[in-house]
Amino acid sequence: MKIVPVLGSALFTAGGVWMIVDGHRFGWLIAGFFGLCLLLAVVEPRLPRRHVSSGYRLVITPAELACEHPKRPRESIRWDEVTRIWYVTTSDGPRLPDEWILLEGAGRGCSLPTEAVGFDRIWDELTQRFPGFDYGPLIRGGTDDARHLCWERGRPS
């Protein structure tokens, strides 16, 4: 429980009650509002936390990279088929994933959100398999709809 909201709400509730006792009708509004705030400040920490997960899961094998989600078809691409890697940002957040890595190959690809379970394991793979990978766009980030090239086969590092 955070002490500042509890103390603040308690003080303003007491002030509202004091106003009611002094005959100010506006005191009812203050006491009622801050009384509810006090109740919420006391009860909220005890409520169960809902674990929010996007449902995406990254699968890395020696031969391929895949992204799985219960409500969409499995996407995968072989490491040796990758010709371009993009960093894609969208304005869909925060309810939907808004940062993606897109691995493109001849006629296929694999998109994975940065919040996918197991995503932290991809950094070593990118460094080892794709020399000259540009981390700049990922560091800069973004919230607009944009697509930034991070690596391309045959492009000088």
C-alpha atoms as a PDB file:
ATOM      1  CA  MET A   1       0.000   0.000   0.000  1.00  0.00           C
ATOM      2  CA  LYS A   2       1.348   3.409  -0.960  1.00  0.00           C
ATOM      3  CA  ILE A   3       1.304   5.754   1.984  1.00  0.00           C
ATOM      4  CA  VAL A   4       0.983   9.099   0.139  1.00  0.00           C
ATOM      5  CA  PRO A   5      -2.397   8.363  -1.535  1.00  0.00           C
ATOM      6  CA  VAL A   6      -3.751   6.899   1.724  1.00  0.00           C
ATOM      7  CA  LEU A   7      -2.645   9.848   3.850  1.00  0.00           C
ATOM      8  CA  GLY A   8      -3.707  12.426   1.286  1.00  0.00           C
ATOM      9  CA  SER A   9      -7.145  10.875   0.854  1.00  0.00           C
ATOM     10  CA  ALA A  10      -7.576  10.524   4.617  1.00  0.00           C
ATOM     11  CA  LEU A  11      -6.677  14.183   5.186  1.00  0.00           C
ATOM     12  CA  PHE A  12      -9.025  15.464   2.479  1.00  0.00           C
ATOM     13  CA  THR A  13     -11.805  13.166   3.731  1.00  0.00           C
ATOM     14  CA  ALA A  14     -11.316  14.546   7.239  1.00  0.00           C
ATOM     15  CA  GLY A  15     -11.377  18.076   5.794  1.00  0.00           C
ATOM     16  CA  GLY A  16     -14.659  17.286   4.039  1.00  0.00           C
ATOM     17  CA  VAL A  17     -16.149  15.933   7.269  1.00  0.00           C
ATOM     18  CA  TRP A  18     -14.974  19.088   9.070  1.00  0.00           C
ATOM     19  CA  MET A  19     -16.743  21.193   6.417  1.00  0.00           C
ATOM     20  CA  ILE A  20     -19.954  19.171   6.912  1.00  0.00           C
ATOM     21  CA  VAL A  21     -19.765  19.753  10.686  1.00  0.00           C
ATOM     22  CA  ASP A  22     -19.296  23.506  10.039  1.00  0.00           C
ATOM     23  CA  GLY A  23     -22.413  23.504   7.873  1.00  0.00           C
ATOM     24  CA  HIS A  24     -20.811  23.700   4.390  1.00  0.00           C
ATOM     25  CA  ARG A  25     -22.800  21.568   1.951  1.00  0.00           C
ATOM     26  CA  PHE A  26     -19.784  21.334  -0.378  1.00  0.00           C
ATOM     27  CA  GLY A  27     -18.142  19.191   2.346  1.00  0.00           C
ATOM     28  CA  TRP A  28     -20.327  16.225   1.336  1.00  0.00           C
ATOM     29  CA  LEU A  29     -18.800  16.221  -2.148  1.00  0.00           C
ATOM     30  CA  ILE A  30     -15.234  16.462  -0.820  1.00  0.00           C
ATOM     31  CA  ALA A  31     -15.733  13.840   1.896  1.00  0.00           C
ATOM     32  CA  GLY A  32     -17.512  11.470  -0.506  1.00  0.00           C
ATOM     33  CA  PHE A  33     -14.962  11.765  -3.314  1.00  0.00           C
ATOM     34  CA  PHE A  34     -11.868  11.464  -1.138  1.00  0.00           C
ATOM     35  CA  GLY A  35     -13.523   8.776   0.975  1.00  0.00           C
ATOM     36  CA  LEU A  36     -13.862   6.688  -2.182  1.00  0.00           C
ATOM     37  CA  CYS A  37     -10.242   7.481  -3.068  1.00  0.00           C
ATOM     38  CA  LEU A  38      -9.189   6.316   0.400  1.00  0.00           C
ATOM     39  CA  LEU A  39     -11.158   3.100   0.014  1.00  0.00           C
ATOM     40  CA  LEU A  40      -9.574   2.439  -3.367  1.00  0.00           C
ATOM     41  CA  ALA A  41      -6.061   3.196  -2.055  1.00  0.00           C
ATOM     42  CA  VAL A  42      -6.541   0.684   0.763  1.00  0.00           C
ATOM     43  CA  VAL A  43      -8.256  -2.078  -1.258  1.00  0.00           C
ATOM     44  CA  GLU A  44      -6.403  -1.876  -4.624  1.00  0.00           C
ATOM     45  CA  PRO A  45      -3.090  -3.424  -3.447  1.00  0.00           C
ATOM     46  CA  ARG A  46      -5.008  -6.452  -2.160  1.00  0.00           C
ATOM     47  CA  LEU A  47      -6.771  -7.153  -5.456  1.00  0.00           C
ATOM     48  CA  PRO A  48      -5.392 -10.040  -7.529  1.00  0.00           C
ATOM     49  CA  ARG A  49      -3.050  -9.013 -10.329  1.00  0.00           C
ATOM     50  CA  ARG A  50      -3.902 -10.223 -13.776  1.00  0.00           C
ATOM     51  CA  HIS A  51      -0.867 -11.369 -15.742  1.00  0.00           C
ATOM     52  CA  VAL A  52      -1.084  -9.802 -19.168  1.00  0.00           C
ATOM     53  CA  SER A  53       0.705 -11.653 -21.938  1.00  0.00           C
ATOM     54  CA  SER A  54       0.552 -11.048 -25.641  1.00  0.00           C
ATOM     55  CA  GLY A  55       0.494 -14.815 -26.267  1.00  0.00           C
ATOM     56  CA  TYR A  56       3.424 -14.731 -28.717  1.00  0.00           C
ATOM     57  CA  ARG A  57       6.258 -17.199 -28.211  1.00  0.00           C
ATOM     58  CA  LEU A  58       9.618 -17.199 -29.963  1.00  0.00           C
ATOM     59  CA  VAL A  59      11.137 -20.546 -30.950  1.00  0.00           C
ATOM     60  CA  ILE A  60      14.822 -20.639 -31.873  1.00  0.00           C
ATOM     61  CA  THR A  61      16.441 -23.773 -33.278  1.00  0.00           C
ATOM     62  CA  PRO A  62      19.810 -24.232 -34.999  1.00  0.00           C
ATOM     63  CA  ALA A  63      17.987 -24.331 -38.365  1.00  0.00           C
ATOM     64  CA  GLU A  64      15.170 -21.809 -38.030  1.00  0.00           C
ATOM     65  CA  LEU A  65      13.377 -19.067 -36.169  1.00  0.00           C
ATOM     66  CA  ALA A  66       9.631 -19.294 -35.523  1.00  0.00           C
ATOM     67  CA  CYS A  67       6.918 -17.257 -33.865  1.00  0.00           C
ATOM     68  CA  GLU A  68       3.848 -18.974 -32.444  1.00  0.00           C
ATOM     69  CA  HIS A  69       0.561 -17.535 -31.260  1.00  0.00           C
ATOM     70  CA  PRO A  70      -2.637 -19.411 -30.334  1.00  0.00           C
ATOM     71  CA  LYS A  71      -4.784 -17.288 -32.686  1.00  0.00           C
ATOM     72  CA  ARG A  72      -2.623 -17.071 -35.801  1.00  0.00           C
ATOM     73  CA  PRO A  73      -0.723 -19.472 -38.037  1.00  0.00           C
ATOM     74  CA  ARG A  74       2.824 -20.356 -37.049  1.00  0.00           C
ATOM     75  CA  GLU A  75       5.422 -18.310 -38.934  1.00  0.00           C
ATOM     76  CA  SER A  76       8.954 -19.555 -39.461  1.00  0.00           C
ATOM     77  CA  ILE A  77      11.996 -18.923 -41.605  1.00  0.00           C
ATOM     78  CA  ARG A  78      15.252 -20.799 -41.982  1.00  0.00           C
ATOM     79  CA  TRP A  79      18.288 -18.802 -40.889  1.00  0.00           C
ATOM     80  CA  ASP A  80      19.994 -19.288 -44.252  1.00  0.00           C
ATOM     81  CA  GLU A  81      16.907 -17.973 -46.139  1.00  0.00           C
ATOM     82  CA  VAL A  82      16.915 -14.554 -44.460  1.00  0.00           C
ATOM     83  CA  THR A  83      17.675 -11.769 -46.940  1.00  0.00           C
ATOM     84  CA  ARG A  84      16.513  -8.707 -44.949  1.00  0.00           C
ATOM     85  CA  ILE A  85      15.718  -7.854 -41.355  1.00  0.00           C
ATOM     86  CA  TRP A  86      13.429  -4.942 -40.535  1.00  0.00           C
ATOM     87  CA  TYR A  87      12.499  -3.198 -37.326  1.00  0.00           C
ATOM     88  CA  VAL A  88       8.818  -2.275 -37.621  1.00  0.00           C
ATOM     89  CA  THR A  89       6.964   0.104 -35.301  1.00  0.00           C
ATOM     90  CA  THR A  90       3.215   0.649 -35.266  1.00  0.00           C
ATOM     91  CA  SER A  91       0.797   2.918 -33.479  1.00  0.00           C
ATOM     92  CA  ASP A  92      -1.152  -0.091 -32.138  1.00  0.00           C
ATOM     93  CA  GLY A  93       0.282  -0.037 -28.600  1.00  0.00           C
ATOM     94  CA  PRO A  94      -0.171  -0.407 -25.749  1.00  0.00           C
ATOM     95  CA  ARG A  95      -3.025  -2.917 -26.121  1.00  0.00           C
ATOM     96  CA  LEU A  96      -1.392  -4.701 -29.072  1.00  0.00           C
ATOM     97  CA  PRO A  97       2.283  -5.309 -29.832  1.00  0.00           C
ATOM     98  CA  ASP A  98       3.729  -2.229 -31.492  1.00  0.00           C
ATOM     99  CA  GLU A  99       7.385  -3.153 -32.030  1.00  0.00           C
ATOM    100  CA  TRP A 100       8.297  -6.019 -34.337  1.00  0.00           C
ATOM    101  CA  ILE A 101      11.317  -7.661 -35.886  1.00  0.00           C
ATOM    102  CA  LEU A 102      10.544  -8.893 -39.401  1.00  0.00           C
ATOM    103  CA  LEU A 103      12.846 -11.424 -41.012  1.00  0.00           C
ATOM    104  CA  GLU A 104      12.286 -11.546 -44.751  1.00  0.00           C
ATOM    105  CA  GLY A 105      13.275 -14.259 -47.213  1.00  0.00           C
ATOM    106  CA  ALA A 106      12.440 -15.278 -50.738  1.00  0.00           C
ATOM    107  CA  GLY A 107       8.644 -15.513 -50.659  1.00  0.00           C
ATOM    108  CA  ARG A 108       8.364 -15.970 -46.898  1.00  0.00           C
ATOM    109  CA  GLY A 109       9.029 -14.239 -43.638  1.00  0.00           C
ATOM    110  CA  CYS A 110       8.631 -14.338 -39.902  1.00  0.00           C
ATOM    111  CA  SER A 111       7.419 -11.427 -37.792  1.00  0.00           C
ATOM    112  CA  LEU A 112       7.910 -11.411 -34.055  1.00  0.00           C
ATOM    113  CA  PRO A 113       6.894  -8.800 -31.498  1.00  0.00           C
ATOM    114  CA  THR A 114       9.586  -7.611 -29.120  1.00  0.00           C
ATOM    115  CA  GLU A 115       7.351  -8.648 -26.208  1.00  0.00           C
ATOM    116  CA  ALA A 116       7.194 -12.315 -27.280  1.00  0.00           C
ATOM    117  CA  VAL A 117       8.156 -14.868 -24.655  1.00  0.00           C
ATOM    118  CA  GLY A 118      11.787 -15.807 -25.283  1.00  0.00           C
ATOM    119  CA  PHE A 119      12.539 -12.680 -27.335  1.00  0.00           C
ATOM    120  CA  ASP A 120      15.584 -11.855 -25.206  1.00  0.00           C
ATOM    121  CA  ARG A 121      17.346 -14.903 -26.719  1.00  0.00           C
ATOM    122  CA  ILE A 122      17.339 -13.389 -30.231  1.00  0.00           C
ATOM    123  CA  TRP A 123      20.073 -10.796 -29.618  1.00  0.00           C
ATOM    124  CA  ASP A 124      22.947 -13.292 -29.642  1.00  0.00           C
ATOM    125  CA  GLU A 125      21.541 -14.957 -32.757  1.00  0.00           C
ATOM    126  CA  LEU A 126      21.328 -11.656 -34.640  1.00  0.00           C
ATOM    127  CA  THR A 127      24.896 -10.756 -33.692  1.00  0.00           C
ATOM    128  CA  GLN A 128      26.317 -14.164 -34.667  1.00  0.00           C
ATOM    129  CA  ARG A 129      24.337 -14.851 -37.830  1.00  0.00           C
ATOM    130  CA  PHE A 130      24.034 -11.377 -39.356  1.00  0.00           C
ATOM    131  CA  PRO A 131      27.294  -9.433 -39.252  1.00  0.00           C
ATOM    132  CA  GLY A 132      26.785  -5.697 -39.442  1.00  0.00           C
ATOM    133  CA  PHE A 133      23.258  -5.823 -37.987  1.00  0.00           C
ATOM    134  CA  ASP A 134      22.264  -2.200 -37.268  1.00  0.00           C
ATOM    135  CA  TYR A 135      20.818  -1.861 -33.764  1.00  0.00           C
ATOM    136  CA  GLY A 136      20.329   1.909 -34.216  1.00  0.00           C
ATOM    137  CA  PRO A 137      16.630   1.788 -35.163  1.00  0.00           C
ATOM    138  CA  LEU A 138      15.872  -0.443 -32.168  1.00  0.00           C
ATOM    139  CA  ILE A 139      17.703   1.900 -29.821  1.00  0.00           C
ATOM    140  CA  ARG A 140      15.812   4.916 -31.177  1.00  0.00           C
ATOM    141  CA  GLY A 141      12.471   3.052 -31.063  1.00  0.00           C
ATOM    142  CA  GLY A 142       9.283   4.777 -32.121  1.00  0.00           C
ATOM    143  CA  THR A 143       5.535   4.897 -31.799  1.00  0.00           C
ATOM    144  CA  ASP A 144       4.633   5.793 -35.386  1.00  0.00           C
ATOM    145  CA  ASP A 145       3.980   3.415 -38.240  1.00  0.00           C
ATOM    146  CA  ALA A 146       7.488   2.956 -39.658  1.00  0.00           C
ATOM    147  CA  ARG A 147       9.799   0.330 -41.114  1.00  0.00           C
ATOM    148  CA  HIS A 148      13.592   0.503 -40.680  1.00  0.00           C
ATOM    149  CA  LEU A 149      16.083  -1.754 -42.452  1.00  0.00           C
ATOM    150  CA  CYS A 150      18.557  -3.254 -39.978  1.00  0.00           C
ATOM    151  CA  TRP A 151      20.330  -5.812 -42.162  1.00  0.00           C
ATOM    152  CA  GLU A 152      20.385  -6.920 -45.789  1.00  0.00           C
ATOM    153  CA  ARG A 153      22.289  -9.806 -47.355  1.00  0.00           C
ATOM    154  CA  GLY A 154      25.126  -8.531 -49.521  1.00  0.00           C
ATOM    155  CA  ARG A 155      25.032  -5.014 -48.104  1.00  0.00           C
ATOM    156  CA  PRO A 156      28.444  -3.898 -46.803  1.00  0.00           C
ATOM    157  CA  SER A 157      28.684  -3.777 -43.020  1.00  0.00           C
END
